[in-house]
Every structure is written in C-alpha cells, then in structure tokens.
C-alpha cells in the first residue's frame, strides 16, 4: 500500500511540476487569467497584467472554440494562458509573427493600443478583464451587463455583444480615436465590413458567420462611427442586432 501511494504521489508531482527547460517566453498583451487547463471551463488560479513575461513550456493546446492555449511556468506551477491575450517568443528568438495577436504593434508598454475586434462574442467577463474594463455599469438598457474603465465599454448577456471606444488606448479593426475618417473607412473595408451609411455618422455592417447570434441579410452587427468637425473619429460603437 505504501509503495502504491508513493507511486501515485510521484505521478502527481510529474503532472503538476514545471519542466526544467523552458522553450521560450510568453508575453501578455492584456490582463489575462491563468487557468488549470487549456480552456474557459478550467478553474482560474491567478491573473497577470499586460506586459508580463512568463516561461513557455513548449506545449500548446487548442480548445473547442479554436483558441490556442500556452502552458507556462508560474512560480512552481504549470498553468495555461490564452493566445487571445498573449503571444509566444521561441527560445531561438525566431518570430515569424504568426503568434502575435491582432493589434500587437511590437511594443508592450503603457501606450500600446489594444485591439478589441478579436474578442467579439467571447466570454464577457474574460473580455472585460482583458480590456481592463472592470467597473460594472448599472444602465437601463436591453443589454444587461456593461463594464467600463472610462475609455472602453464591453457589454452583453454572457458574451461580448457590444464594444464602445470613447478614449485612447483601444482600437476597433485598426481604427482609433482621432483617425481621419477616410483612413478609418479604408481599414474597415479591408477588414471585410460593408459601408452602409456615410453622413455625419458613418455606419458599417459586420458579416455574419457560424458564431453569430443572428443573421440579417448576411450581417450580424453594425459599427457606428461618430465624426467631429475635422472629419476625425470621435467615438466608435459596435453592437449586435439582438438588442
């Protein structure tokens, strides 16, 4: 019996301890949770801030949504981190750019712009944490849960159905506040959105796919851009057609 217990303890340590050799580094691009397993269904152990560097343990797993998760060293633990909010730099310092998330501009600092479009229809709380939008907003709205930090708002029922950008530090399909509206329209068109209205405010339609909550003539949501007197982006609102 003692021998069997010793074997079980050895197996447990092998499963939970950190491998001796790291295969590179994982850099975070937003606030992100560390989990016991590669998916949102696993328990959260802790969270790290943007610009954190962790040892990559040379193991990647893809969840049911198609999102990659990286195994990293965190103290004496081996935990999992989402590729939506991080990227891998291999030990050989060979980076082909494929691991860099949308919006990553090669720098990780306080002035880095966070791109919101990659988190559309993802878990609301996870997205709010990643965006730093942790202030819950009690507003009379058809969308029940809204989180903000003053510059960005994310809202929805259980998933992120709405994004609003009202301050610096965030972008939507590469569009940032203060950008010339013609450049903004070009970026949204290149991203596959369709121009619907062009006046004092500009509206683009977002195409529906298998994840969409609704499909209205091939579209599931719209982006509304308010423009100032100098034809620059004043704010952006992106919402589904569900509310």
C-alpha atoms as a PDB file:
ATOM      1  CA  UNK A   1       0.000   0.000   0.000  1.00  0.00           C
ATOM      2  CA  UNK A   2       2.805   2.449   0.918  1.00  0.00           C
ATOM      3  CA  UNK A   3       4.533   1.702  -2.373  1.00  0.00           C
ATOM      4  CA  UNK A   4       1.323   2.381  -4.307  1.00  0.00           C
ATOM      5  CA  UNK A   5       0.852   5.718  -2.502  1.00  0.00           C
ATOM      6  CA  UNK A   6       4.436   6.685  -3.273  1.00  0.00           C
ATOM      7  CA  UNK A   7       3.902   5.926  -6.966  1.00  0.00           C
ATOM      8  CA  UNK A   8       0.708   7.988  -7.028  1.00  0.00           C
ATOM      9  CA  UNK A   9       2.473  10.922  -5.367  1.00  0.00           C
ATOM     10  CA  UNK A  10       5.288  10.728  -7.901  1.00  0.00           C
ATOM     11  CA  UNK A  11       2.795  10.770 -10.773  1.00  0.00           C
ATOM     12  CA  UNK A  12       1.003  13.765  -9.260  1.00  0.00           C
ATOM     13  CA  UNK A  13       4.241  15.702  -8.945  1.00  0.00           C
ATOM     14  CA  UNK A  14       5.133  14.855 -12.535  1.00  0.00           C
ATOM     15  CA  UNK A  15       1.808  16.229 -13.723  1.00  0.00           C
ATOM     16  CA  UNK A  16       1.881  19.493 -11.749  1.00  0.00           C
ATOM     17  CA  UNK A  17       5.563  20.423 -11.522  1.00  0.00           C
ATOM     18  CA  UNK A  18       7.248  22.726 -14.010  1.00  0.00           C
ATOM     19  CA  UNK A  19       9.531  21.124 -16.618  1.00  0.00           C
ATOM     20  CA  UNK A  20      13.164  22.038 -16.145  1.00  0.00           C
ATOM     21  CA  UNK A  21      13.709  23.565 -19.590  1.00  0.00           C
ATOM     22  CA  UNK A  22      11.596  26.397 -20.982  1.00  0.00           C
ATOM     23  CA  UNK A  23      11.111  26.545 -24.748  1.00  0.00           C
ATOM     24  CA  UNK A  24      10.797  30.309 -24.862  1.00  0.00           C
ATOM     25  CA  UNK A  25       8.717  33.106 -23.410  1.00  0.00           C
ATOM     26  CA  UNK A  26       5.067  34.099 -23.436  1.00  0.00           C
ATOM     27  CA  UNK A  27       4.350  37.836 -23.379  1.00  0.00           C
ATOM     28  CA  UNK A  28       0.931  39.142 -22.350  1.00  0.00           C
ATOM     29  CA  UNK A  29      -0.800  41.916 -24.306  1.00  0.00           C
ATOM     30  CA  UNK A  30      -3.693  42.431 -21.851  1.00  0.00           C
ATOM     31  CA  UNK A  31      -4.764  41.419 -18.367  1.00  0.00           C
ATOM     32  CA  UNK A  32      -5.312  37.674 -18.598  1.00  0.00           C
ATOM     33  CA  UNK A  33      -6.230  34.743 -16.361  1.00  0.00           C
ATOM     34  CA  UNK A  34      -4.010  31.745 -15.700  1.00  0.00           C
ATOM     35  CA  UNK A  35      -6.009  28.506 -15.590  1.00  0.00           C
ATOM     36  CA  UNK A  36      -5.537  24.904 -14.525  1.00  0.00           C
ATOM     37  CA  UNK A  37      -6.276  23.663 -18.039  1.00  0.00           C
ATOM     38  CA  UNK A  38      -6.446  24.855 -21.656  1.00  0.00           C
ATOM     39  CA  UNK A  39      -9.955  26.323 -21.795  1.00  0.00           C
ATOM     40  CA  UNK A  40     -12.509  28.606 -20.155  1.00  0.00           C
ATOM     41  CA  UNK A  41     -14.044  25.634 -18.342  1.00  0.00           C
ATOM     42  CA  UNK A  42     -10.973  25.169 -16.144  1.00  0.00           C
ATOM     43  CA  UNK A  43     -10.538  26.932 -12.816  1.00  0.00           C
ATOM     44  CA  UNK A  44      -8.801  30.303 -12.661  1.00  0.00           C
ATOM     45  CA  UNK A  45      -5.678  30.226 -10.473  1.00  0.00           C
ATOM     46  CA  UNK A  46      -4.464  33.808 -10.830  1.00  0.00           C
ATOM     47  CA  UNK A  47      -4.249  36.700 -13.303  1.00  0.00           C
ATOM     48  CA  UNK A  48      -1.352  38.714 -14.728  1.00  0.00           C
ATOM     49  CA  UNK A  49      -1.121  42.221 -16.173  1.00  0.00           C
ATOM     50  CA  UNK A  50      -0.236  43.397 -19.706  1.00  0.00           C
ATOM     51  CA  UNK A  51       3.485  43.264 -20.391  1.00  0.00           C
ATOM     52  CA  UNK A  52       4.090  40.220 -18.164  1.00  0.00           C
ATOM     53  CA  UNK A  53       6.676  37.685 -19.352  1.00  0.00           C
ATOM     54  CA  UNK A  54       6.302  34.006 -18.474  1.00  0.00           C
ATOM     55  CA  UNK A  55       8.329  30.927 -19.370  1.00  0.00           C
ATOM     56  CA  UNK A  56       6.770  28.928 -22.211  1.00  0.00           C
ATOM     57  CA  UNK A  57       6.852  25.175 -21.511  1.00  0.00           C
ATOM     58  CA  UNK A  58       6.674  24.060 -25.152  1.00  0.00           C
ATOM     59  CA  UNK A  59       3.084  22.836 -25.068  1.00  0.00           C
ATOM     60  CA  UNK A  60       0.086  24.340 -26.862  1.00  0.00           C
ATOM     61  CA  UNK A  61      -3.495  23.054 -26.784  1.00  0.00           C
ATOM     62  CA  UNK A  62      -6.498  24.194 -28.842  1.00  0.00           C
ATOM     63  CA  UNK A  63      -9.922  24.437 -27.206  1.00  0.00           C
ATOM     64  CA  UNK A  64     -13.351  23.766 -28.722  1.00  0.00           C
ATOM     65  CA  UNK A  65     -13.558  27.365 -29.987  1.00  0.00           C
ATOM     66  CA  UNK A  66     -10.317  27.017 -31.933  1.00  0.00           C
ATOM     67  CA  UNK A  67      -8.359  29.195 -29.478  1.00  0.00           C
ATOM     68  CA  UNK A  68      -4.791  28.152 -28.644  1.00  0.00           C
ATOM     69  CA  UNK A  69      -3.630  27.964 -25.023  1.00  0.00           C
ATOM     70  CA  UNK A  70       0.014  28.014 -23.925  1.00  0.00           C
ATOM     71  CA  UNK A  71       1.443  26.089 -20.976  1.00  0.00           C
ATOM     72  CA  UNK A  72       3.584  28.453 -18.879  1.00  0.00           C
ATOM     73  CA  UNK A  73       5.566  28.401 -15.657  1.00  0.00           C
ATOM     74  CA  UNK A  74       4.065  30.416 -12.827  1.00  0.00           C
ATOM     75  CA  UNK A  75       6.116  30.010  -9.680  1.00  0.00           C
ATOM     76  CA  UNK A  76       6.182  26.276  -9.034  1.00  0.00           C
ATOM     77  CA  UNK A  77       3.037  25.694 -11.112  1.00  0.00           C
ATOM     78  CA  UNK A  78       2.438  24.858 -14.755  1.00  0.00           C
ATOM     79  CA  UNK A  79      -0.648  26.801 -15.876  1.00  0.00           C
ATOM     80  CA  UNK A  80      -2.422  27.690 -19.106  1.00  0.00           C
ATOM     81  CA  UNK A  81      -2.831  31.098 -20.754  1.00  0.00           C
ATOM     82  CA  UNK A  82      -4.994  32.090 -23.737  1.00  0.00           C
ATOM     83  CA  UNK A  83      -3.340  33.130 -27.005  1.00  0.00           C
ATOM     84  CA  UNK A  84      -6.044  35.787 -27.340  1.00  0.00           C
ATOM     85  CA  UNK A  85      -4.149  37.853 -24.781  1.00  0.00           C
ATOM     86  CA  UNK A  86      -0.564  36.675 -25.262  1.00  0.00           C
ATOM     87  CA  UNK A  87       1.982  35.539 -27.814  1.00  0.00           C
ATOM     88  CA  UNK A  88       4.979  33.188 -27.858  1.00  0.00           C
ATOM     89  CA  UNK A  89       8.595  34.157 -28.431  1.00  0.00           C
ATOM     90  CA  UNK A  90      10.558  30.996 -29.101  1.00  0.00           C
ATOM     91  CA  UNK A  91      13.791  30.310 -27.233  1.00  0.00           C
ATOM     92  CA  UNK A  92      15.737  30.523 -30.502  1.00  0.00           C
ATOM     93  CA  UNK A  93      14.367  34.071 -30.834  1.00  0.00           C
ATOM     94  CA  UNK A  94      12.757  33.185 -34.155  1.00  0.00           C
ATOM     95  CA  UNK A  95       9.466  35.046 -34.509  1.00  0.00           C
ATOM     96  CA  UNK A  96       7.534  34.747 -37.776  1.00  0.00           C
ATOM     97  CA  UNK A  97       4.737  36.990 -36.470  1.00  0.00           C
ATOM     98  CA  UNK A  98       2.082  34.264 -36.535  1.00  0.00           C
ATOM     99  CA  UNK A  99       1.741  34.223 -32.762  1.00  0.00           C
ATOM    100  CA  UNK A 100       1.234  37.971 -32.453  1.00  0.00           C
ATOM    101  CA  UNK A 101      -2.409  38.850 -31.783  1.00  0.00           C
ATOM    102  CA  UNK A 102      -4.367  41.437 -33.737  1.00  0.00           C
ATOM    103  CA  UNK A 103      -3.369  44.889 -32.556  1.00  0.00           C
ATOM    104  CA  UNK A 104       0.086  43.921 -31.274  1.00  0.00           C
ATOM    105  CA  UNK A 105       2.496  46.537 -32.653  1.00  0.00           C
ATOM    106  CA  UNK A 106       5.802  45.095 -31.500  1.00  0.00           C
ATOM    107  CA  UNK A 107       5.871  47.000 -28.217  1.00  0.00           C
ATOM    108  CA  UNK A 108       4.477  46.219 -24.810  1.00  0.00           C
ATOM    109  CA  UNK A 109       4.179  49.395 -22.777  1.00  0.00           C
ATOM    110  CA  UNK A 110       1.621  51.700 -21.245  1.00  0.00           C
ATOM    111  CA  UNK A 111       0.956  53.370 -24.601  1.00  0.00           C
ATOM    112  CA  UNK A 112       0.247  50.134 -26.509  1.00  0.00           C
ATOM    113  CA  UNK A 113      -3.113  50.110 -28.310  1.00  0.00           C
ATOM    114  CA  UNK A 114      -5.368  47.142 -27.504  1.00  0.00           C
ATOM    115  CA  UNK A 115      -7.441  45.805 -30.409  1.00  0.00           C
ATOM    116  CA  UNK A 116     -10.951  44.746 -29.372  1.00  0.00           C
ATOM    117  CA  UNK A 117     -12.292  43.054 -32.507  1.00  0.00           C
ATOM    118  CA  UNK A 118     -10.733  39.645 -31.810  1.00  0.00           C
ATOM    119  CA  UNK A 119     -12.895  39.215 -28.689  1.00  0.00           C
ATOM    120  CA  UNK A 120     -16.320  39.646 -30.291  1.00  0.00           C
ATOM    121  CA  UNK A 121     -18.779  37.031 -28.905  1.00  0.00           C
ATOM    122  CA  UNK A 122     -16.254  35.689 -26.400  1.00  0.00           C
ATOM    123  CA  UNK A 123     -16.918  35.222 -22.676  1.00  0.00           C
ATOM    124  CA  UNK A 124     -17.968  38.633 -21.321  1.00  0.00           C
ATOM    125  CA  UNK A 125     -16.099  38.521 -18.014  1.00  0.00           C
ATOM    126  CA  UNK A 126     -12.910  37.273 -19.663  1.00  0.00           C
ATOM    127  CA  UNK A 127     -13.069  40.078 -22.215  1.00  0.00           C
ATOM    128  CA  UNK A 128     -13.815  42.741 -19.598  1.00  0.00           C
ATOM    129  CA  UNK A 129     -10.814  41.587 -17.563  1.00  0.00           C
ATOM    130  CA  UNK A 130      -8.560  41.598 -20.617  1.00  0.00           C
ATOM    131  CA  UNK A 131      -9.635  45.103 -21.601  1.00  0.00           C
ATOM    132  CA  UNK A 132      -9.253  46.429 -18.079  1.00  0.00           C
ATOM    133  CA  UNK A 133     -12.961  47.299 -18.094  1.00  0.00           C
ATOM    134  CA  UNK A 134     -13.737  46.207 -14.547  1.00  0.00           C
ATOM    135  CA  UNK A 135     -16.253  48.882 -13.455  1.00  0.00           C
ATOM    136  CA  UNK A 136     -19.774  47.460 -13.644  1.00  0.00           C
ATOM    137  CA  UNK A 137     -22.292  49.927 -15.097  1.00  0.00           C
ATOM    138  CA  UNK A 138     -25.930  49.848 -14.000  1.00  0.00           C
ATOM    139  CA  UNK A 139     -27.677  51.364 -17.004  1.00  0.00           C
ATOM    140  CA  UNK A 140     -31.251  50.966 -18.194  1.00  0.00           C
ATOM    141  CA  UNK A 141     -30.530  49.026 -21.368  1.00  0.00           C
ATOM    142  CA  UNK A 142     -31.597  45.949 -23.296  1.00  0.00           C
ATOM    143  CA  UNK A 143     -28.026  44.717 -22.808  1.00  0.00           C
ATOM    144  CA  UNK A 144     -27.915  43.702 -19.130  1.00  0.00           C
ATOM    145  CA  UNK A 145     -24.214  43.666 -18.217  1.00  0.00           C
ATOM    146  CA  UNK A 146     -21.898  46.540 -19.053  1.00  0.00           C
ATOM    147  CA  UNK A 147     -18.303  47.049 -17.924  1.00  0.00           C
ATOM    148  CA  UNK A 148     -16.153  50.132 -18.456  1.00  0.00           C
ATOM    149  CA  UNK A 149     -12.945  51.897 -17.499  1.00  0.00           C
ATOM    150  CA  UNK A 150     -13.923  55.256 -18.969  1.00  0.00           C
ATOM    151  CA  UNK A 151     -12.212  54.648 -22.316  1.00  0.00           C
ATOM    152  CA  UNK A 152     -13.759  51.358 -23.411  1.00  0.00           C
ATOM    153  CA  UNK A 153     -17.080  49.632 -22.716  1.00  0.00           C
ATOM    154  CA  UNK A 154     -17.893  45.963 -23.242  1.00  0.00           C
ATOM    155  CA  UNK A 155     -21.394  44.606 -22.705  1.00  0.00           C
ATOM    156  CA  UNK A 156     -23.683  41.659 -23.281  1.00  0.00           C
ATOM    157  CA  UNK A 157     -25.596  38.884 -21.591  1.00  0.00           C
ATOM    158  CA  UNK A 158     -22.930  36.226 -21.055  1.00  0.00           C
ATOM    159  CA  UNK A 159     -20.817  37.022 -24.099  1.00  0.00           C
ATOM    160  CA  UNK A 160     -19.376  40.243 -25.525  1.00  0.00           C
ATOM    161  CA  UNK A 161     -22.125  41.609 -27.784  1.00  0.00           C
ATOM    162  CA  UNK A 162     -21.202  45.285 -27.652  1.00  0.00           C
ATOM    163  CA  UNK A 163     -17.998  47.329 -27.668  1.00  0.00           C
ATOM    164  CA  UNK A 164     -17.670  51.083 -27.333  1.00  0.00           C
ATOM    165  CA  UNK A 165     -14.459  53.096 -27.604  1.00  0.00           C
ATOM    166  CA  UNK A 166     -14.577  56.567 -26.072  1.00  0.00           C
ATOM    167  CA  UNK A 167     -10.958  57.116 -25.086  1.00  0.00           C
ATOM    168  CA  UNK A 168      -7.378  56.407 -26.120  1.00  0.00           C
ATOM    169  CA  UNK A 169      -5.584  53.074 -25.869  1.00  0.00           C
ATOM    170  CA  UNK A 170      -8.051  50.916 -27.831  1.00  0.00           C
ATOM    171  CA  UNK A 171      -8.798  50.219 -31.481  1.00  0.00           C
ATOM    172  CA  UNK A 172     -11.550  48.501 -33.470  1.00  0.00           C
ATOM    173  CA  UNK A 173     -10.362  46.749 -36.653  1.00  0.00           C
ATOM    174  CA  UNK A 174      -7.367  49.080 -36.513  1.00  0.00           C
ATOM    175  CA  UNK A 175      -9.463  52.244 -36.184  1.00  0.00           C
ATOM    176  CA  UNK A 176      -8.554  54.559 -33.304  1.00  0.00           C
ATOM    177  CA  UNK A 177      -9.980  57.805 -31.992  1.00  0.00           C
ATOM    178  CA  UNK A 178      -8.679  60.854 -33.833  1.00  0.00           C
ATOM    179  CA  UNK A 179      -8.039  58.925 -37.052  1.00  0.00           C
ATOM    180  CA  UNK A 180      -9.103  60.586 -40.304  1.00  0.00           C
ATOM    181  CA  UNK A 181     -12.475  59.140 -41.301  1.00  0.00           C
ATOM    182  CA  UNK A 182     -11.308  58.217 -44.808  1.00  0.00           C
ATOM    183  CA  UNK A 183      -8.453  56.158 -43.359  1.00  0.00           C
ATOM    184  CA  UNK A 184     -10.905  54.591 -40.897  1.00  0.00           C
ATOM    185  CA  UNK A 185     -13.306  53.638 -43.709  1.00  0.00           C
ATOM    186  CA  UNK A 186     -10.437  52.073 -45.642  1.00  0.00           C
ATOM    187  CA  UNK A 187      -9.371  49.955 -42.664  1.00  0.00           C
ATOM    188  CA  UNK A 188     -12.914  48.700 -42.045  1.00  0.00           C
ATOM    189  CA  UNK A 189     -13.400  47.883 -45.719  1.00  0.00           C
ATOM    190  CA  UNK A 190     -10.106  45.967 -45.803  1.00  0.00           C
ATOM    191  CA  UNK A 191     -11.299  44.036 -42.720  1.00  0.00           C
ATOM    192  CA  UNK A 192     -14.327  42.778 -44.678  1.00  0.00           C
ATOM    193  CA  UNK A 193     -17.014  45.127 -43.353  1.00  0.00           C
ATOM    194  CA  UNK A 194     -19.527  46.859 -45.644  1.00  0.00           C
ATOM    195  CA  UNK A 195     -20.186  50.595 -45.702  1.00  0.00           C
ATOM    196  CA  UNK A 196     -23.907  51.152 -45.098  1.00  0.00           C
ATOM    197  CA  UNK A 197     -24.325  54.872 -44.353  1.00  0.00           C
ATOM    198  CA  UNK A 198     -21.978  57.809 -44.834  1.00  0.00           C
ATOM    199  CA  UNK A 199     -23.041  61.144 -43.372  1.00  0.00           C
ATOM    200  CA  UNK A 200     -22.419  62.973 -40.083  1.00  0.00           C
ATOM    201  CA  UNK A 201     -22.067  59.477 -38.622  1.00  0.00           C
ATOM    202  CA  UNK A 202     -20.703  56.523 -40.563  1.00  0.00           C
ATOM    203  CA  UNK A 203     -22.165  53.007 -40.309  1.00  0.00           C
ATOM    204  CA  UNK A 204     -20.527  49.734 -41.344  1.00  0.00           C
ATOM    205  CA  UNK A 205     -22.140  46.273 -41.328  1.00  0.00           C
ATOM    206  CA  UNK A 206     -20.282  43.252 -39.944  1.00  0.00           C
ATOM    207  CA  UNK A 207     -20.741  39.936 -41.807  1.00  0.00           C
ATOM    208  CA  UNK A 208     -22.405  37.008 -40.029  1.00  0.00           C
ATOM    209  CA  UNK A 209     -20.733  33.633 -39.596  1.00  0.00           C
ATOM    210  CA  UNK A 210     -21.325  30.374 -37.709  1.00  0.00           C
ATOM    211  CA  UNK A 211     -20.768  32.080 -34.332  1.00  0.00           C
ATOM    212  CA  UNK A 212     -23.225  34.933 -34.912  1.00  0.00           C
ATOM    213  CA  UNK A 213     -26.253  35.353 -32.680  1.00  0.00           C
ATOM    214  CA  UNK A 214     -28.382  36.474 -35.637  1.00  0.00           C
ATOM    215  CA  UNK A 215     -28.097  36.688 -39.420  1.00  0.00           C
ATOM    216  CA  UNK A 216     -29.899  39.629 -41.019  1.00  0.00           C
ATOM    217  CA  UNK A 217     -29.320  39.533 -44.768  1.00  0.00           C
ATOM    218  CA  UNK A 218     -25.794  38.230 -44.204  1.00  0.00           C
ATOM    219  CA  UNK A 219     -24.869  40.574 -41.326  1.00  0.00           C
ATOM    220  CA  UNK A 220     -24.970  40.209 -37.546  1.00  0.00           C
ATOM    221  CA  UNK A 221     -23.990  43.653 -36.206  1.00  0.00           C
ATOM    222  CA  UNK A 222     -23.060  47.193 -37.096  1.00  0.00           C
ATOM    223  CA  UNK A 223     -20.322  49.677 -36.253  1.00  0.00           C
ATOM    224  CA  UNK A 224     -21.354  53.298 -35.798  1.00  0.00           C
ATOM    225  CA  UNK A 225     -18.648  55.968 -36.045  1.00  0.00           C
ATOM    226  CA  UNK A 226     -19.237  59.498 -34.813  1.00  0.00           C
ATOM    227  CA  UNK A 227     -17.158  62.091 -36.658  1.00  0.00           C
ATOM    228  CA  UNK A 228     -16.051  65.508 -35.387  1.00  0.00           C
ATOM    229  CA  UNK A 229     -15.986  68.787 -37.346  1.00  0.00           C
ATOM    230  CA  UNK A 230     -12.493  67.967 -38.659  1.00  0.00           C
ATOM    231  CA  UNK A 231     -13.691  64.616 -40.068  1.00  0.00           C
ATOM    232  CA  UNK A 232     -11.860  62.607 -37.436  1.00  0.00           C
ATOM    233  CA  UNK A 233     -13.168  59.661 -35.464  1.00  0.00           C
ATOM    234  CA  UNK A 234     -14.808  60.875 -32.272  1.00  0.00           C
ATOM    235  CA  UNK A 235     -16.066  57.538 -30.915  1.00  0.00           C
ATOM    236  CA  UNK A 236     -16.973  54.026 -32.087  1.00  0.00           C
ATOM    237  CA  UNK A 237     -19.882  51.755 -31.142  1.00  0.00           C
ATOM    238  CA  UNK A 238     -20.177  48.118 -32.258  1.00  0.00           C
ATOM    239  CA  UNK A 239     -23.315  46.187 -31.398  1.00  0.00           C
ATOM    240  CA  UNK A 240     -25.137  43.050 -32.492  1.00  0.00           C
ATOM    241  CA  UNK A 241     -28.624  43.092 -33.970  1.00  0.00           C
ATOM    242  CA  UNK A 242     -30.004  41.182 -30.970  1.00  0.00           C
ATOM    243  CA  UNK A 243     -30.932  44.087 -28.710  1.00  0.00           C
END
